[in-house]
Amino acid sequence: MAGVVTRQSKGRERRRAIIEAAAEIIRDEGPGAVTHRAVAARAECSLSATTYYFSGLEELLAEAGKVNIKRWAERAEAVADEVERDGVPTSLSDAVDAILRACLPADTSLDNHYRQLLAAATAEPIAVSYHAGRRRLDHALGRVLRRIGCRIPPDLVIAVVDGAAVTAISEKRDVRRTAHHLVTLLIGDAWTPPSE
C-alpha cells in the first residue's frame, strides 16, 4: 500500500511540475510558446509525461492559467494584508504605490506580463481561467482600496493600470511611472487617508 501512495504522490508532484512549467512559459513567452516539447524541457521530464497527465494541450493551458491568476491574486492579497496590518499610507504617493504593488508583478518583466495577457485572448482555456480567477484579484485589490480610503471600484483601477501599461509599452515609456501618474490622477481628488 505504501508503494501505491508513493507513486500517487510522485504522480501529483510530476503533474504539478508540468503545470508550473507551462505557467512559466506563458509568463515568459506567451501562450503560443506552450508546446508539449517546451513544457517537457522546462519541467525536465519526458515528453510522454506531458501527454500522460493531461487530456490535451487545452487542459494543460487551463491549469497553467489557474496557476498564474492565483499568483497574481496572492500578490494582491499579500499587499492587502500588509496595508491592513501596517496601517494606512500617509501620502497619496504611498497609497498609489500600494495599489501598484497589488496590480503589477515585481518578479517578472512587465513587457512580458502584458504581452502574455494580451495573447491570452488567443488561447481560450487561459482566458477562461483568467476570467474565473479575476474575482479573487478584484476582491484583494478592493481590500487595499478600502484601507487606503479610496472608493473607486477595483475593476476600474485595474483597467487604468492595465491601460497605462499598454500605453507605456507601446510608446517605450516606463510602465510603473506611467501607471503611477495615471492612478494618481484617477484617485487624487477622491483620496483622503482614513482615520485609524
C-alpha atoms as a PDB file:
ATOM      1  CA  MET A   1       0.000   0.000   0.000  1.00  0.00           C
ATOM      2  CA  ALA A   2       2.869   2.397   0.800  1.00  0.00           C
ATOM      3  CA  GLY A   3       4.219   1.890  -2.732  1.00  0.00           C
ATOM      4  CA  VAL A   4       0.873   2.935  -4.247  1.00  0.00           C
ATOM      5  CA  VAL A   5       0.734   6.075  -2.087  1.00  0.00           C
ATOM      6  CA  THR A   6       4.326   6.950  -3.039  1.00  0.00           C
ATOM      7  CA  ARG A   7       3.571   6.515  -6.759  1.00  0.00           C
ATOM      8  CA  GLN A   8       0.422   8.640  -6.435  1.00  0.00           C
ATOM      9  CA  SER A   9       2.360  11.311  -4.573  1.00  0.00           C
ATOM     10  CA  LYS A  10       5.098  11.307  -7.206  1.00  0.00           C
ATOM     11  CA  GLY A  11       2.438  11.475  -9.903  1.00  0.00           C
ATOM     12  CA  ARG A  12       0.841  14.532  -8.275  1.00  0.00           C
ATOM     13  CA  GLU A  13       4.256  16.184  -7.938  1.00  0.00           C
ATOM     14  CA  ARG A  14       5.095  15.466 -11.580  1.00  0.00           C
ATOM     15  CA  ARG A  15       1.726  16.810 -12.743  1.00  0.00           C
ATOM     16  CA  ARG A  16       2.217  19.957 -10.630  1.00  0.00           C
ATOM     17  CA  ALA A  17       5.749  20.453 -12.053  1.00  0.00           C
ATOM     18  CA  ILE A  18       4.370  20.213 -15.601  1.00  0.00           C
ATOM     19  CA  ILE A  19       1.634  22.759 -14.842  1.00  0.00           C
ATOM     20  CA  GLU A  20       4.164  25.124 -13.225  1.00  0.00           C
ATOM     21  CA  ALA A  21       6.446  24.782 -16.245  1.00  0.00           C
ATOM     22  CA  ALA A  22       3.589  25.656 -18.612  1.00  0.00           C
ATOM     23  CA  ALA A  23       2.620  28.631 -16.413  1.00  0.00           C
ATOM     24  CA  GLU A  24       6.211  29.907 -16.508  1.00  0.00           C
ATOM     25  CA  ILE A  25       6.331  29.606 -20.283  1.00  0.00           C
ATOM     26  CA  ILE A  26       3.078  31.570 -20.550  1.00  0.00           C
ATOM     27  CA  ARG A  27       4.517  34.296 -18.301  1.00  0.00           C
ATOM     28  CA  ASP A  28       7.878  34.381 -20.080  1.00  0.00           C
ATOM     29  CA  GLU A  29       6.949  33.851 -23.712  1.00  0.00           C
ATOM     30  CA  GLY A  30       3.155  33.825 -24.033  1.00  0.00           C
ATOM     31  CA  PRO A  31       0.650  31.037 -24.620  1.00  0.00           C
ATOM     32  CA  GLY A  32       1.803  30.378 -28.176  1.00  0.00           C
ATOM     33  CA  ALA A  33       5.115  29.075 -26.840  1.00  0.00           C
ATOM     34  CA  VAL A  34       3.429  26.325 -24.809  1.00  0.00           C
ATOM     35  CA  THR A  35       4.026  23.025 -26.581  1.00  0.00           C
ATOM     36  CA  HIS A  36       4.403  19.562 -25.120  1.00  0.00           C
ATOM     37  CA  ARG A  37       8.080  19.608 -26.053  1.00  0.00           C
ATOM     38  CA  ALA A  38       8.737  23.051 -24.498  1.00  0.00           C
ATOM     39  CA  VAL A  39       6.899  22.103 -21.299  1.00  0.00           C
ATOM     40  CA  ALA A  40       8.768  18.794 -21.027  1.00  0.00           C
ATOM     41  CA  ALA A  41      12.091  20.595 -21.412  1.00  0.00           C
ATOM     42  CA  ARG A  42      11.173  23.221 -18.791  1.00  0.00           C
ATOM     43  CA  ALA A  43       9.800  20.616 -16.360  1.00  0.00           C
ATOM     44  CA  GLU A  44      12.757  18.313 -17.038  1.00  0.00           C
ATOM     45  CA  CYS A  45      10.502  15.372 -17.725  1.00  0.00           C
ATOM     46  CA  SER A  46       9.784  13.083 -20.626  1.00  0.00           C
ATOM     47  CA  LEU A  47       7.623  14.262 -23.477  1.00  0.00           C
ATOM     48  CA  SER A  48       5.236  11.390 -22.782  1.00  0.00           C
ATOM     49  CA  ALA A  49       4.628  12.696 -19.229  1.00  0.00           C
ATOM     50  CA  THR A  50       3.089  15.882 -20.611  1.00  0.00           C
ATOM     51  CA  THR A  51       0.518  13.856 -22.509  1.00  0.00           C
ATOM     52  CA  TYR A  52       0.008  11.219 -19.800  1.00  0.00           C
ATOM     53  CA  TYR A  53      -1.247  13.653 -17.143  1.00  0.00           C
ATOM     54  CA  PHE A  54      -3.443  15.821 -19.388  1.00  0.00           C
ATOM     55  CA  SER A  55      -6.126  15.064 -21.936  1.00  0.00           C
ATOM     56  CA  GLY A  56      -4.551  17.580 -24.279  1.00  0.00           C
ATOM     57  CA  LEU A  57      -2.803  20.913 -24.543  1.00  0.00           C
ATOM     58  CA  GLU A  58      -6.041  22.778 -23.777  1.00  0.00           C
ATOM     59  CA  GLU A  59      -6.333  21.161 -20.347  1.00  0.00           C
ATOM     60  CA  LEU A  60      -2.689  21.963 -19.610  1.00  0.00           C
ATOM     61  CA  LEU A  61      -3.190  25.594 -20.696  1.00  0.00           C
ATOM     62  CA  ALA A  62      -6.276  25.911 -18.476  1.00  0.00           C
ATOM     63  CA  GLU A  63      -4.401  24.544 -15.455  1.00  0.00           C
ATOM     64  CA  ALA A  64      -1.436  26.829 -16.136  1.00  0.00           C
ATOM     65  CA  GLY A  65      -3.800  29.793 -16.419  1.00  0.00           C
ATOM     66  CA  LYS A  66      -5.206  28.944 -12.978  1.00  0.00           C
ATOM     67  CA  VAL A  67      -1.679  28.936 -11.544  1.00  0.00           C
ATOM     68  CA  ASN A  68      -0.916  32.363 -12.995  1.00  0.00           C
ATOM     69  CA  ILE A  69      -4.116  34.089 -11.868  1.00  0.00           C
ATOM     70  CA  LYS A  70      -3.656  32.512  -8.424  1.00  0.00           C
ATOM     71  CA  ARG A  71      -0.139  34.011  -8.230  1.00  0.00           C
ATOM     72  CA  TRP A  72      -1.489  37.457  -9.102  1.00  0.00           C
ATOM     73  CA  ALA A  73      -4.331  37.196  -6.604  1.00  0.00           C
ATOM     74  CA  GLU A  74      -1.936  36.047  -3.882  1.00  0.00           C
ATOM     75  CA  ARG A  75       0.327  39.018  -4.608  1.00  0.00           C
ATOM     76  CA  ALA A  76      -2.615  41.405  -4.220  1.00  0.00           C
ATOM     77  CA  GLU A  77      -3.751  39.599  -1.067  1.00  0.00           C
ATOM     78  CA  ALA A  78      -0.264  39.963   0.436  1.00  0.00           C
ATOM     79  CA  VAL A  79      -0.360  43.711  -0.224  1.00  0.00           C
ATOM     80  CA  ALA A  80      -3.848  43.905   1.318  1.00  0.00           C
ATOM     81  CA  ASP A  81      -2.616  42.014   4.389  1.00  0.00           C
ATOM     82  CA  GLU A  82       0.351  44.375   4.656  1.00  0.00           C
ATOM     83  CA  VAL A  83      -1.731  47.530   4.355  1.00  0.00           C
ATOM     84  CA  GLU A  84      -4.293  46.229   6.853  1.00  0.00           C
ATOM     85  CA  ARG A  85      -1.579  45.187   9.304  1.00  0.00           C
ATOM     86  CA  ASP A  86       0.872  48.100   8.987  1.00  0.00           C
ATOM     87  CA  GLY A  87      -1.560  50.961   8.710  1.00  0.00           C
ATOM     88  CA  VAL A  88      -2.822  53.457   6.213  1.00  0.00           C
ATOM     89  CA  PRO A  89      -0.380  55.069   3.782  1.00  0.00           C
ATOM     90  CA  THR A  90       0.275  58.635   4.876  1.00  0.00           C
ATOM     91  CA  SER A  91       0.527  60.191   1.436  1.00  0.00           C
ATOM     92  CA  LEU A  92      -1.222  59.916  -1.898  1.00  0.00           C
ATOM     93  CA  SER A  93       2.032  58.680  -3.469  1.00  0.00           C
ATOM     94  CA  ASP A  94       2.313  55.888  -0.883  1.00  0.00           C
ATOM     95  CA  ALA A  95      -1.324  54.945  -1.475  1.00  0.00           C
ATOM     96  CA  VAL A  96      -0.711  54.719  -5.232  1.00  0.00           C
ATOM     97  CA  ASP A  97       2.425  52.647  -4.574  1.00  0.00           C
ATOM     98  CA  ALA A  98       0.319  50.160  -2.585  1.00  0.00           C
ATOM     99  CA  ILE A  99      -2.175  49.914  -5.447  1.00  0.00           C
ATOM    100  CA  LEU A 100       0.591  49.314  -7.969  1.00  0.00           C
ATOM    101  CA  ARG A 101       2.246  46.665  -5.791  1.00  0.00           C
ATOM    102  CA  ALA A 102      -1.103  44.856  -5.770  1.00  0.00           C
ATOM    103  CA  CYS A 103      -1.588  45.190  -9.527  1.00  0.00           C
ATOM    104  CA  LEU A 104       1.864  44.882 -11.097  1.00  0.00           C
ATOM    105  CA  PRO A 105       4.217  41.919 -10.692  1.00  0.00           C
ATOM    106  CA  ALA A 106       7.643  42.752  -9.296  1.00  0.00           C
ATOM    107  CA  ASP A 107       9.217  39.415 -10.214  1.00  0.00           C
ATOM    108  CA  THR A 108       8.779  39.438 -13.978  1.00  0.00           C
ATOM    109  CA  SER A 109       9.204  41.745 -16.954  1.00  0.00           C
ATOM    110  CA  LEU A 110       6.156  43.977 -17.262  1.00  0.00           C
ATOM    111  CA  ASP A 111       6.521  43.891 -21.049  1.00  0.00           C
ATOM    112  CA  ASN A 112       6.245  40.084 -20.951  1.00  0.00           C
ATOM    113  CA  HIS A 113       3.436  40.222 -18.421  1.00  0.00           C
ATOM    114  CA  TYR A 114       1.255  42.406 -20.625  1.00  0.00           C
ATOM    115  CA  ARG A 115       2.183  40.705 -23.870  1.00  0.00           C
ATOM    116  CA  GLN A 116       1.117  37.351 -22.455  1.00  0.00           C
ATOM    117  CA  LEU A 117      -2.090  38.858 -21.054  1.00  0.00           C
ATOM    118  CA  LEU A 118      -2.987  40.187 -24.486  1.00  0.00           C
ATOM    119  CA  ALA A 119      -2.024  36.882 -26.095  1.00  0.00           C
ATOM    120  CA  ALA A 120      -4.266  35.016 -23.640  1.00  0.00           C
ATOM    121  CA  ALA A 121      -7.208  36.095 -25.777  1.00  0.00           C
ATOM    122  CA  THR A 122      -5.886  33.747 -28.481  1.00  0.00           C
ATOM    123  CA  ALA A 123      -5.846  30.791 -26.063  1.00  0.00           C
ATOM    124  CA  GLU A 124      -9.397  30.266 -24.834  1.00  0.00           C
ATOM    125  CA  PRO A 125      -8.516  27.897 -21.948  1.00  0.00           C
ATOM    126  CA  ILE A 126      -6.214  30.530 -20.459  1.00  0.00           C
ATOM    127  CA  ALA A 127      -8.718  33.335 -20.997  1.00  0.00           C
ATOM    128  CA  VAL A 128     -11.406  31.268 -19.218  1.00  0.00           C
ATOM    129  CA  SER A 129      -9.066  30.571 -16.282  1.00  0.00           C
ATOM    130  CA  TYR A 130      -8.073  34.228 -16.003  1.00  0.00           C
ATOM    131  CA  HIS A 131     -11.719  35.307 -16.090  1.00  0.00           C
ATOM    132  CA  ALA A 132     -12.689  32.757 -13.420  1.00  0.00           C
ATOM    133  CA  GLY A 133      -9.890  33.869 -11.092  1.00  0.00           C
ATOM    134  CA  ARG A 134     -10.401  37.577 -11.618  1.00  0.00           C
ATOM    135  CA  ARG A 135     -12.938  37.894  -8.788  1.00  0.00           C
ATOM    136  CA  ARG A 136     -10.289  36.902  -6.234  1.00  0.00           C
ATOM    137  CA  LEU A 137      -7.895  39.517  -7.631  1.00  0.00           C
ATOM    138  CA  ASP A 138     -10.599  42.204  -7.607  1.00  0.00           C
ATOM    139  CA  HIS A 139     -11.525  41.328  -4.025  1.00  0.00           C
ATOM    140  CA  ALA A 140      -7.914  41.640  -2.843  1.00  0.00           C
ATOM    141  CA  LEU A 141      -7.463  44.996  -4.589  1.00  0.00           C
ATOM    142  CA  GLY A 142     -10.804  46.101  -3.120  1.00  0.00           C
ATOM    143  CA  ARG A 143      -9.361  45.458   0.352  1.00  0.00           C
ATOM    144  CA  VAL A 144      -6.359  47.656  -0.481  1.00  0.00           C
ATOM    145  CA  LEU A 145      -8.591  50.411  -1.850  1.00  0.00           C
ATOM    146  CA  ARG A 146     -10.877  50.373   1.185  1.00  0.00           C
ATOM    147  CA  ARG A 147      -7.927  50.506   3.567  1.00  0.00           C
ATOM    148  CA  ILE A 148      -6.370  53.486   1.818  1.00  0.00           C
ATOM    149  CA  GLY A 149      -9.700  55.307   1.745  1.00  0.00           C
ATOM    150  CA  CYS A 150     -10.437  55.037  -1.968  1.00  0.00           C
ATOM    151  CA  ARG A 151     -14.000  54.301  -3.057  1.00  0.00           C
ATOM    152  CA  ILE A 152     -13.216  53.665  -6.723  1.00  0.00           C
ATOM    153  CA  PRO A 153     -14.152  50.127  -7.881  1.00  0.00           C
ATOM    154  CA  PRO A 154     -11.232  47.693  -8.224  1.00  0.00           C
ATOM    155  CA  ASP A 155     -12.061  46.806 -11.829  1.00  0.00           C
ATOM    156  CA  LEU A 156     -11.784  50.487 -12.817  1.00  0.00           C
ATOM    157  CA  VAL A 157      -8.412  50.816 -11.080  1.00  0.00           C
ATOM    158  CA  ILE A 158      -7.127  47.648 -12.780  1.00  0.00           C
ATOM    159  CA  ALA A 159      -8.370  48.944 -16.138  1.00  0.00           C
ATOM    160  CA  VAL A 160      -6.429  52.191 -15.639  1.00  0.00           C
ATOM    161  CA  VAL A 161      -3.272  50.333 -14.561  1.00  0.00           C
ATOM    162  CA  ASP A 162      -3.549  47.928 -17.489  1.00  0.00           C
ATOM    163  CA  GLY A 163      -4.259  50.754 -19.925  1.00  0.00           C
ATOM    164  CA  ALA A 164      -1.290  52.705 -18.590  1.00  0.00           C
ATOM    165  CA  ALA A 165       0.915  49.651 -19.042  1.00  0.00           C
ATOM    166  CA  VAL A 166      -0.154  49.028 -22.630  1.00  0.00           C
ATOM    167  CA  THR A 167       0.288  52.732 -23.439  1.00  0.00           C
ATOM    168  CA  ALA A 168       3.732  52.808 -21.841  1.00  0.00           C
ATOM    169  CA  ILE A 169       4.883  49.635 -23.596  1.00  0.00           C
ATOM    170  CA  SER A 170       3.641  50.815 -26.990  1.00  0.00           C
ATOM    171  CA  GLU A 171       5.330  54.210 -26.534  1.00  0.00           C
ATOM    172  CA  LYS A 172       8.554  52.857 -24.975  1.00  0.00           C
ATOM    173  CA  ARG A 173       7.852  54.583 -21.659  1.00  0.00           C
ATOM    174  CA  ASP A 174       8.376  53.315 -18.127  1.00  0.00           C
ATOM    175  CA  VAL A 175       5.329  51.247 -17.140  1.00  0.00           C
ATOM    176  CA  ARG A 176       5.436  51.892 -13.392  1.00  0.00           C
ATOM    177  CA  ARG A 177       5.971  55.622 -13.768  1.00  0.00           C
ATOM    178  CA  THR A 178       3.141  55.912 -16.324  1.00  0.00           C
ATOM    179  CA  ALA A 179       0.782  53.820 -14.179  1.00  0.00           C
ATOM    180  CA  HIS A 180       1.699  55.813 -11.059  1.00  0.00           C
ATOM    181  CA  HIS A 181       0.867  59.069 -12.839  1.00  0.00           C
ATOM    182  CA  LEU A 182      -2.485  57.879 -14.185  1.00  0.00           C
ATOM    183  CA  VAL A 183      -3.614  56.190 -10.964  1.00  0.00           C
ATOM    184  CA  THR A 184      -2.690  59.383  -9.094  1.00  0.00           C
ATOM    185  CA  LEU A 185      -4.934  61.315 -11.481  1.00  0.00           C
ATOM    186  CA  LEU A 186      -7.692  58.726 -11.020  1.00  0.00           C
ATOM    187  CA  ILE A 187      -7.774  58.697  -7.229  1.00  0.00           C
ATOM    188  CA  GLY A 188      -6.221  62.066  -6.376  1.00  0.00           C
ATOM    189  CA  ASP A 189      -9.389  64.102  -5.851  1.00  0.00           C
ATOM    190  CA  ALA A 190     -11.226  61.277  -4.117  1.00  0.00           C
ATOM    191  CA  TRP A 191      -8.403  60.165  -1.810  1.00  0.00           C
ATOM    192  CA  THR A 192      -8.270  61.081   1.836  1.00  0.00           C
ATOM    193  CA  PRO A 193      -6.423  58.948   4.356  1.00  0.00           C
ATOM    194  CA  PRO A 194      -8.986  57.182   6.529  1.00  0.00           C
ATOM    195  CA  SER A 195      -8.698  57.741  10.255  1.00  0.00           C
ATOM    196  CA  GLU A 196      -7.162  54.872  12.191  1.00  0.00           C
END
